[in-house]
Amino acid sequence: MAHIDYFLATISPNCYFAGTRPAEVAARHGATLTYRPLDIMALFSRTGGVPPGQRHPSRQEYRLMEIERTGRNLGMPVHLKPTHWPTNPAPSSYAVIAAQKEGGGDLAALVASLTRACWAEQKDIADDGVIKACLEEAGFDPGLADSGLLSGAMAYEANLEDAVNAGVFGAPFFVTDDGARFWGQDRIEDLDRHLGGQL
């Protein structure tokens, strides 16, 4: 059985655009999928990247064009400059980690809900109430937002270290158990083809 590590950032617009497609691809191929939320800003600094706000103006402008275009292509509403961005991604990431450990709900829906809250609904995903609502919407106990904070912090840090060691430098980033790597929501189709032996 194939396995996919999905390195993600809950504040990433491209993780929002990925939606539930990673889980759908995994299910289509009978693959297991582990969600690995991480600190994307720390990942940038560790791997030679630059946070969006520190990039050259031409790169910042093009990033916004791409976000708008991608939203239109996928039919997904998006705010180019969300009210609560950037925000602290740790609390929402801890919630994903806790939910994955606990089970019983829909992880793909949880990640989609959190990223949508940030990029389409103008909500602060560092806010406890927002996180609990997303957990409940995805079929998880909202109390998970208050539990496992220490273990969540440890896993969050471990995900960053594992990402750097695996050659990950952005999000969404998919690493299969045979060492194949795919960066970006626009590479999910390639991941699908790889798992199907077509690429």
Protein backbone atom coordinates (compact mmCIF):
# COMPACT_ATOMS: atom_id res chain seq x y z
CA MET A 1 0.00 0.00 0.00
CA ALA A 2 1.43 3.38 -1.01
CA HIS A 3 1.77 6.16 1.52
CA ILE A 4 1.77 9.95 1.14
CA ASP A 5 3.09 12.52 3.60
CA TYR A 6 1.16 15.73 2.99
CA PHE A 7 3.14 18.70 4.31
CA LEU A 8 0.76 21.62 4.63
CA ALA A 9 0.34 25.07 6.11
CA THR A 10 -3.07 26.11 7.37
CA ILE A 11 -2.37 29.71 6.28
CA SER A 12 -1.34 28.75 2.73
CA PRO A 13 -3.60 29.84 -0.13
CA ASN A 14 -2.43 26.88 -2.17
CA CYS A 15 -3.37 24.45 0.59
CA TYR A 16 -6.81 26.09 0.45
CA PHE A 17 -6.89 25.52 -3.30
CA ALA A 18 -5.81 21.88 -2.81
CA GLY A 19 -9.06 21.35 -0.93
CA THR A 20 -9.92 17.70 -0.42
CA ARG A 21 -8.18 16.53 -3.61
CA PRO A 22 -5.17 14.97 -1.83
CA ALA A 23 -7.48 12.68 0.14
CA GLU A 24 -9.45 11.84 -3.00
CA VAL A 25 -6.26 10.87 -4.83
CA ALA A 26 -5.10 8.74 -1.91
CA ALA A 27 -8.46 6.98 -1.73
CA ARG A 28 -8.49 6.32 -5.46
CA HIS A 29 -5.20 4.44 -5.19
CA GLY A 30 -5.78 2.80 -1.81
CA ALA A 31 -2.92 4.86 -0.36
CA THR A 32 -2.60 6.07 3.19
CA LEU A 33 -2.26 9.80 3.80
CA THR A 34 -0.66 11.55 6.77
CA TYR A 35 -1.31 15.25 7.27
CA ARG A 36 1.87 17.04 8.41
CA PRO A 37 1.07 20.68 9.27
CA LEU A 38 4.15 22.86 9.71
CA ASP A 39 5.36 26.42 10.17
CA ILE A 40 5.69 27.58 6.56
CA MET A 41 7.56 30.78 7.44
CA ALA A 42 10.17 28.78 9.35
CA LEU A 43 10.37 26.36 6.42
CA PHE A 44 11.10 29.23 4.04
CA SER A 45 13.96 30.47 6.19
CA ARG A 46 15.38 26.95 6.54
CA THR A 47 15.31 26.18 2.82
CA GLY A 48 16.31 29.41 1.10
CA GLY A 49 12.85 30.85 0.60
CA VAL A 50 11.56 34.31 1.46
CA PRO A 51 8.22 35.05 3.21
CA PRO A 52 5.72 36.73 0.84
CA GLY A 53 5.89 40.12 2.55
CA GLN A 54 9.67 40.26 2.14
CA ARG A 55 9.75 39.38 -1.56
CA HIS A 56 10.49 41.85 -4.34
CA PRO A 57 7.38 43.87 -5.29
CA SER A 58 7.19 42.18 -8.69
CA ARG A 59 7.03 38.76 -7.02
CA GLN A 60 4.40 39.97 -4.56
CA GLU A 61 2.27 41.36 -7.38
CA TYR A 62 2.55 38.17 -9.41
CA ARG A 63 1.66 36.05 -6.38
CA LEU A 64 -1.62 37.95 -6.03
CA MET A 65 -2.33 37.53 -9.75
CA GLU A 66 -1.79 33.79 -9.42
CA ILE A 67 -4.03 33.54 -6.37
CA GLU A 68 -6.82 35.36 -8.18
CA ARG A 69 -6.39 33.27 -11.37
CA THR A 70 -6.28 30.00 -9.46
CA GLY A 71 -9.43 30.86 -7.55
CA ARG A 72 -11.24 31.58 -10.81
CA ASN A 73 -9.94 28.42 -12.48
CA LEU A 74 -11.07 26.26 -9.57
CA GLY A 75 -14.30 28.14 -8.94
CA MET A 76 -13.25 28.89 -5.36
CA PRO A 77 -13.87 32.28 -3.75
CA VAL A 78 -10.75 33.95 -2.40
CA HIS A 79 -9.71 37.23 -0.82
CA LEU A 80 -6.33 38.35 -2.11
CA LYS A 81 -5.50 40.05 1.18
CA PRO A 82 -7.45 38.30 3.95
CA THR A 83 -8.22 40.35 7.02
CA HIS A 84 -6.49 37.84 9.29
CA TRP A 85 -3.40 36.97 7.29
CA PRO A 86 -0.80 36.22 8.27
CA THR A 87 -1.97 34.87 11.59
CA ASN A 88 -0.45 32.38 14.00
CA PRO A 89 -0.86 28.98 12.27
CA ALA A 90 0.14 26.94 15.33
CA PRO A 91 -3.29 26.61 17.05
CA SER A 92 -5.06 25.40 13.89
CA SER A 93 -2.13 23.10 13.12
CA TYR A 94 -2.32 21.60 16.62
CA ALA A 95 -6.02 20.97 16.01
CA VAL A 96 -5.25 19.05 12.80
CA ILE A 97 -2.61 17.01 14.63
CA ALA A 98 -4.99 16.24 17.51
CA ALA A 99 -7.83 15.34 15.15
CA GLN A 100 -5.61 12.99 13.17
CA LYS A 101 -4.53 11.26 16.37
CA GLU A 102 -8.08 11.04 17.73
CA GLY A 103 -9.82 9.96 14.52
CA GLY A 104 -13.56 9.77 14.03
CA GLY A 105 -13.98 12.71 11.70
CA ASP A 106 -13.02 13.85 8.23
CA LEU A 107 -9.46 15.23 8.19
CA ALA A 108 -9.67 16.40 4.59
CA ALA A 109 -12.80 18.38 5.45
CA LEU A 110 -11.09 19.85 8.52
CA VAL A 111 -8.09 21.12 6.56
CA ALA A 112 -10.40 22.44 3.84
CA SER A 113 -12.54 24.18 6.45
CA LEU A 114 -9.61 25.85 8.20
CA THR A 115 -7.99 27.09 5.02
CA ARG A 116 -11.34 28.23 3.62
CA ALA A 117 -12.02 30.13 6.86
CA CYS A 118 -8.79 32.07 6.31
CA TRP A 119 -8.89 32.66 2.56
CA ALA A 120 -12.60 32.83 1.74
CA GLU A 121 -14.45 33.65 4.95
CA GLN A 122 -12.25 36.38 6.49
CA LYS A 123 -11.91 34.51 9.79
CA ASP A 124 -8.94 34.31 12.12
CA ILE A 125 -7.89 30.67 12.28
CA ALA A 126 -5.81 31.39 15.38
CA ASP A 127 -9.09 32.09 17.19
CA ASP A 128 -10.28 29.27 19.45
CA GLY A 129 -13.92 29.68 18.43
CA VAL A 130 -13.11 29.46 14.72
CA ILE A 131 -11.00 26.34 15.24
CA LYS A 132 -13.70 24.63 17.31
CA ALA A 133 -16.34 25.42 14.68
CA CYS A 134 -14.13 23.89 11.96
CA LEU A 135 -13.53 20.78 14.08
CA GLU A 136 -17.23 20.34 14.70
CA GLU A 137 -18.08 20.91 11.03
CA ALA A 138 -15.66 18.12 10.07
CA GLY A 139 -17.16 15.68 12.59
CA PHE A 140 -14.60 16.02 15.38
CA ASP A 141 -15.02 16.87 19.05
CA PRO A 142 -14.43 20.65 19.27
CA GLY A 143 -12.78 20.01 22.62
CA LEU A 144 -9.75 18.75 20.70
CA ALA A 145 -8.77 22.40 20.34
CA ASP A 146 -8.07 22.44 24.09
CA SER A 147 -6.25 19.12 24.37
CA GLY A 148 -2.85 17.76 23.46
CA LEU A 149 -1.20 21.16 23.13
CA LEU A 150 2.22 19.90 24.22
CA SER A 151 2.13 16.84 21.96
CA GLY A 152 0.78 19.02 19.17
CA ALA A 153 3.65 21.46 19.55
CA MET A 154 6.15 18.60 19.50
CA ALA A 155 4.61 17.07 16.36
CA TYR A 156 4.46 20.49 14.70
CA GLU A 157 8.18 20.97 15.26
CA ALA A 158 8.94 17.39 14.17
CA ASN A 159 6.98 17.95 10.96
CA LEU A 160 9.21 20.92 10.15
CA GLU A 161 12.38 18.93 10.74
CA ASP A 162 11.09 15.98 8.72
CA ALA A 163 10.09 18.32 5.91
CA VAL A 164 13.55 19.88 5.70
CA ASN A 165 15.16 16.43 5.74
CA ALA A 166 12.81 15.19 3.01
CA GLY A 167 13.60 18.06 0.64
CA VAL A 168 10.37 19.94 1.22
CA PHE A 169 10.48 23.73 0.72
CA GLY A 170 6.87 24.86 0.31
CA ALA A 171 3.24 23.87 0.78
CA PRO A 172 1.32 21.93 -0.22
CA PHE A 173 4.07 19.37 -0.69
CA PHE A 174 3.54 15.65 -1.16
CA VAL A 175 6.19 13.00 -0.54
CA THR A 176 5.45 9.38 -1.38
CA ASP A 177 7.03 6.39 0.29
CA ASP A 178 9.07 5.69 -2.86
CA GLY A 179 10.69 9.12 -2.59
CA ALA A 180 8.73 11.00 -5.25
CA ARG A 181 8.04 14.66 -4.42
CA PHE A 182 5.33 16.97 -5.71
CA TRP A 183 5.11 20.68 -4.85
CA GLY A 184 1.96 22.72 -5.29
CA GLN A 185 -1.77 22.25 -5.65
CA ASP A 186 -1.22 22.23 -9.41
CA ARG A 187 0.85 19.03 -9.09
CA ILE A 188 -1.86 16.90 -7.50
CA GLU A 189 -2.70 15.49 -10.92
CA ASP A 190 0.93 14.42 -11.29
CA LEU A 191 0.75 12.76 -7.86
CA ASP A 192 -2.38 10.94 -9.04
CA ARG A 193 -0.63 9.72 -12.21
CA HIS A 194 2.47 8.69 -10.27
CA LEU A 195 0.44 6.55 -7.89
CA GLY A 196 -1.30 5.02 -10.89
CA GLY A 197 2.02 4.07 -12.48
CA GLN A 198 1.54 6.50 -15.36
CA LEU A 199 4.32 8.94 -14.47
